[in-house]
Amino acid sequence: MKAVKKAIHDKDLAKVGAALRRAAKQARKTAERTHTPLVIYEEGRVIRKMVRKETNR
């Protein structure tokens, strides 16, 4: 299925997706560095997951 892009007319709202991705990436790095679980919302529940160091493939 092809993703459909919607035109967003509010400049600030258009940047929200990128900002959330940057925040998630930083949270993952922080959890990895401090050896603490990453708290995520998945399938209607709040879950704590330990982060494994990413390897370049």
PDB file of N, CA and C in Angstrom:
ATOM      1  N   MET A   1       0.840  -1.173   0.000  1.00  0.00           N
ATOM      2  CA  MET A   1       0.000   0.000   0.000  1.00  0.00           C
ATOM      3  C   MET A   1       0.889   1.240   0.000  1.00  0.00           C
ATOM      4  N   LYS A   2       0.582   2.187  -0.840  1.00  0.00           N
ATOM      5  CA  LYS A   2       1.370   3.399  -0.971  1.00  0.00           C
ATOM      6  C   LYS A   2       0.939   4.422   0.083  1.00  0.00           C
ATOM      7  N   ALA A   3       1.915   5.047   0.721  1.00  0.00           N
ATOM      8  CA  ALA A   3       1.619   6.058   1.732  1.00  0.00           C
ATOM      9  C   ALA A   3       1.068   7.304   1.053  1.00  0.00           C
ATOM     10  N   VAL A   4       0.044   7.876   1.659  1.00  0.00           N
ATOM     11  CA  VAL A   4      -0.580   9.079   1.126  1.00  0.00           C
ATOM     12  C   VAL A   4      -0.110  10.265   1.955  1.00  0.00           C
ATOM     13  N   LYS A   5       0.430  11.281   1.292  1.00  0.00           N
ATOM     14  CA  LYS A   5       0.864  12.477   1.997  1.00  0.00           C
ATOM     15  C   LYS A   5      -0.231  13.515   1.943  1.00  0.00           C
ATOM     16  N   LYS A   6      -0.506  14.118   3.087  1.00  0.00           N
ATOM     17  CA  LYS A   6      -1.508  15.173   3.160  1.00  0.00           C
ATOM     18  C   LYS A   6      -0.800  16.515   3.220  1.00  0.00           C
ATOM     19  N   ALA A   7      -1.369  17.488   2.581  1.00  0.00           N
ATOM     20  CA  ALA A   7      -0.804  18.838   2.618  1.00  0.00           C
ATOM     21  C   ALA A   7      -1.155  19.471   3.952  1.00  0.00           C
ATOM     22  N   ILE A   8      -0.137  19.897   4.680  1.00  0.00           N
ATOM     23  CA  ILE A   8      -0.339  20.547   5.975  1.00  0.00           C
ATOM     24  C   ILE A   8      -0.021  22.020   5.792  1.00  0.00           C
ATOM     25  N   HIS A   9      -0.964  22.846   6.152  1.00  0.00           N
ATOM     26  CA  HIS A   9      -0.819  24.275   5.911  1.00  0.00           C
ATOM     27  C   HIS A   9      -0.178  25.022   7.087  1.00  0.00           C
ATOM     28  N   ASP A  10      -0.147  24.424   8.267  1.00  0.00           N
ATOM     29  CA  ASP A  10       0.473  25.044   9.434  1.00  0.00           C
ATOM     30  C   ASP A  10       1.953  24.659   9.460  1.00  0.00           C
ATOM     31  N   LYS A  11       2.855  25.642   9.399  1.00  0.00           N
ATOM     32  CA  LYS A  11       4.293  25.367   9.339  1.00  0.00           C
ATOM     33  C   LYS A  11       4.783  24.594  10.555  1.00  0.00           C
ATOM     34  N   ASP A  12       4.301  24.946  11.742  1.00  0.00           N
ATOM     35  CA  ASP A  12       4.746  24.264  12.963  1.00  0.00           C
ATOM     36  C   ASP A  12       4.252  22.823  13.004  1.00  0.00           C
ATOM     37  N   LEU A  13       3.032  22.611  12.622  1.00  0.00           N
ATOM     38  CA  LEU A  13       2.454  21.267  12.636  1.00  0.00           C
ATOM     39  C   LEU A  13       3.151  20.362  11.627  1.00  0.00           C
ATOM     40  N   ALA A  14       3.626  20.920  10.545  1.00  0.00           N
ATOM     41  CA  ALA A  14       4.307  20.141   9.516  1.00  0.00           C
ATOM     42  C   ALA A  14       5.624  19.561  10.025  1.00  0.00           C
ATOM     43  N   LYS A  15       6.214  20.164  11.034  1.00  0.00           N
ATOM     44  CA  LYS A  15       7.515  19.730  11.553  1.00  0.00           C
ATOM     45  C   LYS A  15       7.414  18.767  12.734  1.00  0.00           C
ATOM     46  N   VAL A  16       6.214  18.463  13.176  1.00  0.00           N
ATOM     47  CA  VAL A  16       6.021  17.619  14.359  1.00  0.00           C
ATOM     48  C   VAL A  16       6.572  16.208  14.150  1.00  0.00           C
ATOM     49  N   GLY A  17       6.311  15.613  13.007  1.00  0.00           N
ATOM     50  CA  GLY A  17       6.766  14.240  12.750  1.00  0.00           C
ATOM     51  C   GLY A  17       8.270  14.097  12.854  1.00  0.00           C
ATOM     52  N   ALA A  18       8.993  15.020  12.240  1.00  0.00           N
ATOM     53  CA  ALA A  18      10.459  14.981  12.295  1.00  0.00           C
ATOM     54  C   ALA A  18      10.954  15.191  13.723  1.00  0.00           C
ATOM     55  N   ALA A  19      10.310  16.090  14.449  1.00  0.00           N
ATOM     56  CA  ALA A  19      10.707  16.353  15.835  1.00  0.00           C
ATOM     57  C   ALA A  19      10.493  15.124  16.711  1.00  0.00           C
ATOM     58  N   LEU A  20       9.391  14.414  16.508  1.00  0.00           N
ATOM     59  CA  LEU A  20       9.134  13.197  17.288  1.00  0.00           C
ATOM     60  C   LEU A  20      10.151  12.105  16.977  1.00  0.00           C
ATOM     61  N   ARG A  21      10.539  11.982  15.713  1.00  0.00           N
ATOM     62  CA  ARG A  21      11.560  10.994  15.352  1.00  0.00           C
ATOM     63  C   ARG A  21      12.899  11.330  15.995  1.00  0.00           C
ATOM     64  N   ARG A  22      13.271  12.623  16.004  1.00  0.00           N
ATOM     65  CA  ARG A  22      14.525  13.026  16.657  1.00  0.00           C
ATOM     66  C   ARG A  22      14.475  12.751  18.151  1.00  0.00           C
ATOM     67  N   ALA A  23      13.340  13.041  18.788  1.00  0.00           N
ATOM     68  CA  ALA A  23      13.195  12.805  20.228  1.00  0.00           C
ATOM     69  C   ALA A  23      13.282  11.310  20.553  1.00  0.00           C
ATOM     70  N   ALA A  24      12.668  10.477  19.724  1.00  0.00           N
ATOM     71  CA  ALA A  24      12.714   9.028  19.944  1.00  0.00           C
ATOM     72  C   ALA A  24      14.136   8.506  19.802  1.00  0.00           C
ATOM     73  N   LYS A  25      14.854   8.995  18.806  1.00  0.00           N
ATOM     74  CA  LYS A  25      16.241   8.572  18.598  1.00  0.00           C
ATOM     75  C   LYS A  25      17.108   8.967  19.794  1.00  0.00           C
ATOM     76  N   GLN A  26      16.912  10.184  20.302  1.00  0.00           N
ATOM     77  CA  GLN A  26      17.685  10.648  21.457  1.00  0.00           C
ATOM     78  C   GLN A  26      17.330   9.853  22.710  1.00  0.00           C
ATOM     79  N   ALA A  27      16.046   9.521  22.889  1.00  0.00           N
ATOM     80  CA  ALA A  27      15.624   8.728  24.052  1.00  0.00           C
ATOM     81  C   ALA A  27      16.264   7.348  24.011  1.00  0.00           C
ATOM     82  N   ARG A  28      16.323   6.745  22.823  1.00  0.00           N
ATOM     83  CA  ARG A  28      16.958   5.430  22.671  1.00  0.00           C
ATOM     84  C   ARG A  28      18.444   5.513  23.028  1.00  0.00           C
ATOM     85  N   LYS A  29      19.134   6.550  22.565  1.00  0.00           N
ATOM     86  CA  LYS A  29      20.554   6.718  22.878  1.00  0.00           C
ATOM     87  C   LYS A  29      20.767   6.903  24.372  1.00  0.00           C
ATOM     88  N   THR A  30      19.905   7.694  25.013  1.00  0.00           N
ATOM     89  CA  THR A  30      20.024   7.931  26.451  1.00  0.00           C
ATOM     90  C   THR A  30      19.794   6.639  27.237  1.00  0.00           C
ATOM     91  N   ALA A  31      18.778   5.867  26.856  1.00  0.00           N
ATOM     92  CA  ALA A  31      18.500   4.603  27.540  1.00  0.00           C
ATOM     93  C   ALA A  31      19.663   3.633  27.375  1.00  0.00           C
ATOM     94  N   GLU A  32      20.247   3.604  26.194  1.00  0.00           N
ATOM     95  CA  GLU A  32      21.386   2.724  25.946  1.00  0.00           C
ATOM     96  C   GLU A  32      22.592   3.151  26.783  1.00  0.00           C
ATOM     97  N   ARG A  33      22.861   4.448  26.822  1.00  0.00           N
ATOM     98  CA  ARG A  33      24.024   4.967  27.536  1.00  0.00           C
ATOM     99  C   ARG A  33      23.908   4.772  29.048  1.00  0.00           C
ATOM    100  N   THR A  34      22.687   4.915  29.585  1.00  0.00           N
ATOM    101  CA  THR A  34      22.495   4.833  31.034  1.00  0.00           C
ATOM    102  C   THR A  34      22.059   3.449  31.507  1.00  0.00           C
ATOM    103  N   HIS A  35      21.935   2.487  30.554  1.00  0.00           N
ATOM    104  CA  HIS A  35      21.531   1.118  30.884  1.00  0.00           C
ATOM    105  C   HIS A  35      20.200   1.090  31.624  1.00  0.00           C
ATOM    106  N   THR A  36      19.250   1.879  31.126  1.00  0.00           N
ATOM    107  CA  THR A  36      17.904   1.918  31.688  1.00  0.00           C
ATOM    108  C   THR A  36      16.909   1.506  30.606  1.00  0.00           C
ATOM    109  N   PRO A  37      15.738   1.031  31.002  1.00  0.00           N
ATOM    110  CA  PRO A  37      14.763   0.612  29.990  1.00  0.00           C
ATOM    111  C   PRO A  37      14.184   1.805  29.238  1.00  0.00           C
ATOM    112  N   LEU A  38      13.816   1.558  28.010  1.00  0.00           N
ATOM    113  CA  LEU A  38      13.145   2.542  27.177  1.00  0.00           C
ATOM    114  C   LEU A  38      11.655   2.313  27.369  1.00  0.00           C
ATOM    115  N   VAL A  39      10.920   3.329  27.755  1.00  0.00           N
ATOM    116  CA  VAL A  39       9.494   3.210  28.008  1.00  0.00           C
ATOM    117  C   VAL A  39       8.756   3.595  26.733  1.00  0.00           C
ATOM    118  N   ILE A  40       7.938   2.663  26.220  1.00  0.00           N
ATOM    119  CA  ILE A  40       7.206   2.904  24.983  1.00  0.00           C
ATOM    120  C   ILE A  40       5.743   2.525  25.161  1.00  0.00           C
ATOM    121  N   TYR A  41       4.901   3.041  24.296  1.00  0.00           N
ATOM    122  CA  TYR A  41       3.480   2.703  24.269  1.00  0.00           C
ATOM    123  C   TYR A  41       3.272   1.783  23.087  1.00  0.00           C
ATOM    124  N   GLU A  42       2.875   0.538  23.360  1.00  0.00           N
ATOM    125  CA  GLU A  42       2.752  -0.460  22.311  1.00  0.00           C
ATOM    126  C   GLU A  42       1.514  -1.313  22.553  1.00  0.00           C
ATOM    127  N   GLU A  43       0.680  -1.442  21.549  1.00  0.00           N
ATOM    128  CA  GLU A  43      -0.530  -2.263  21.627  1.00  0.00           C
ATOM    129  C   GLU A  43      -1.417  -1.878  22.808  1.00  0.00           C
ATOM    130  N   GLY A  44      -1.536  -0.577  23.060  1.00  0.00           N
ATOM    131  CA  GLY A  44      -2.414  -0.094  24.118  1.00  0.00           C
ATOM    132  C   GLY A  44      -1.862  -0.213  25.524  1.00  0.00           C
ATOM    133  N   ARG A  45      -0.581  -0.558  25.654  1.00  0.00           N
ATOM    134  CA  ARG A  45       0.027  -0.708  26.976  1.00  0.00           C
ATOM    135  C   ARG A  45       1.351   0.039  27.035  1.00  0.00           C
ATOM    136  N   VAL A  46       1.723   0.453  28.231  1.00  0.00           N
ATOM    137  CA  VAL A  46       3.037   1.052  28.452  1.00  0.00           C
ATOM    138  C   VAL A  46       4.005  -0.067  28.784  1.00  0.00           C
ATOM    139  N   ILE A  47       5.101  -0.150  28.028  1.00  0.00           N
ATOM    140  CA  ILE A  47       6.056  -1.249  28.157  1.00  0.00           C
ATOM    141  C   ILE A  47       7.460  -0.685  28.383  1.00  0.00           C
ATOM    142  N   ARG A  48       8.217  -1.350  29.240  1.00  0.00           N
ATOM    143  CA  ARG A  48       9.630  -1.004  29.437  1.00  0.00           C
ATOM    144  C   ARG A  48      10.467  -2.049  28.722  1.00  0.00           C
ATOM    145  N   LYS A  49      11.331  -1.607  27.810  1.00  0.00           N
ATOM    146  CA  LYS A  49      12.196  -2.524  27.075  1.00  0.00           C
ATOM    147  C   LYS A  49      13.644  -2.080  27.230  1.00  0.00           C
ATOM    148  N   MET A  50      14.509  -3.057  27.449  1.00  0.00           N
ATOM    149  CA  MET A  50      15.926  -2.750  27.487  1.00  0.00           C
ATOM    150  C   MET A  50      16.417  -2.553  26.054  1.00  0.00           C
ATOM    151  N   VAL A  51      17.297  -1.623  25.863  1.00  0.00           N
ATOM    152  CA  VAL A  51      17.806  -1.291  24.539  1.00  0.00           C
ATOM    153  C   VAL A  51      19.135  -1.988  24.324  1.00  0.00           C
ATOM    154  N   ARG A  52      19.234  -2.678  23.203  1.00  0.00           N
ATOM    155  CA  ARG A  52      20.511  -3.293  22.832  1.00  0.00           C
ATOM    156  C   ARG A  52      21.252  -2.348  21.905  1.00  0.00           C
ATOM    157  N   LYS A  53      22.550  -2.384  21.988  1.00  0.00           N
ATOM    158  CA  LYS A  53      23.351  -1.528  21.143  1.00  0.00           C
ATOM    159  C   LYS A  53      23.131  -1.903  19.678  1.00  0.00           C
ATOM    160  N   GLU A  54      22.861  -0.887  18.862  1.00  0.00           N
ATOM    161  CA  GLU A  54      22.634  -1.132  17.442  1.00  0.00           C
ATOM    162  C   GLU A  54      23.955  -1.407  16.760  1.00  0.00           C
ATOM    163  N   THR A  55      23.934  -2.368  15.857  1.00  0.00           N
ATOM    164  CA  THR A  55      25.132  -2.666  15.079  1.00  0.00           C
ATOM    165  C   THR A  55      24.879  -2.258  13.639  1.00  0.00           C
ATOM    166  N   ASN A  56      25.902  -1.755  12.987  1.00  0.00           N
ATOM    167  CA  ASN A  56      25.774  -1.380  11.573  1.00  0.00           C
ATOM    168  C   ASN A  56      25.818  -2.632  10.740  1.00  0.00           C
ATOM    169  N   ARG A  57      24.878  -2.773   9.839  1.00  0.00           N
ATOM    170  CA  ARG A  57      24.807  -3.974   9.004  1.00  0.00           C
ATOM    171  C   ARG A  57      25.440  -3.724   7.683  1.00  0.00           C
TER     172      ARG A  57
END
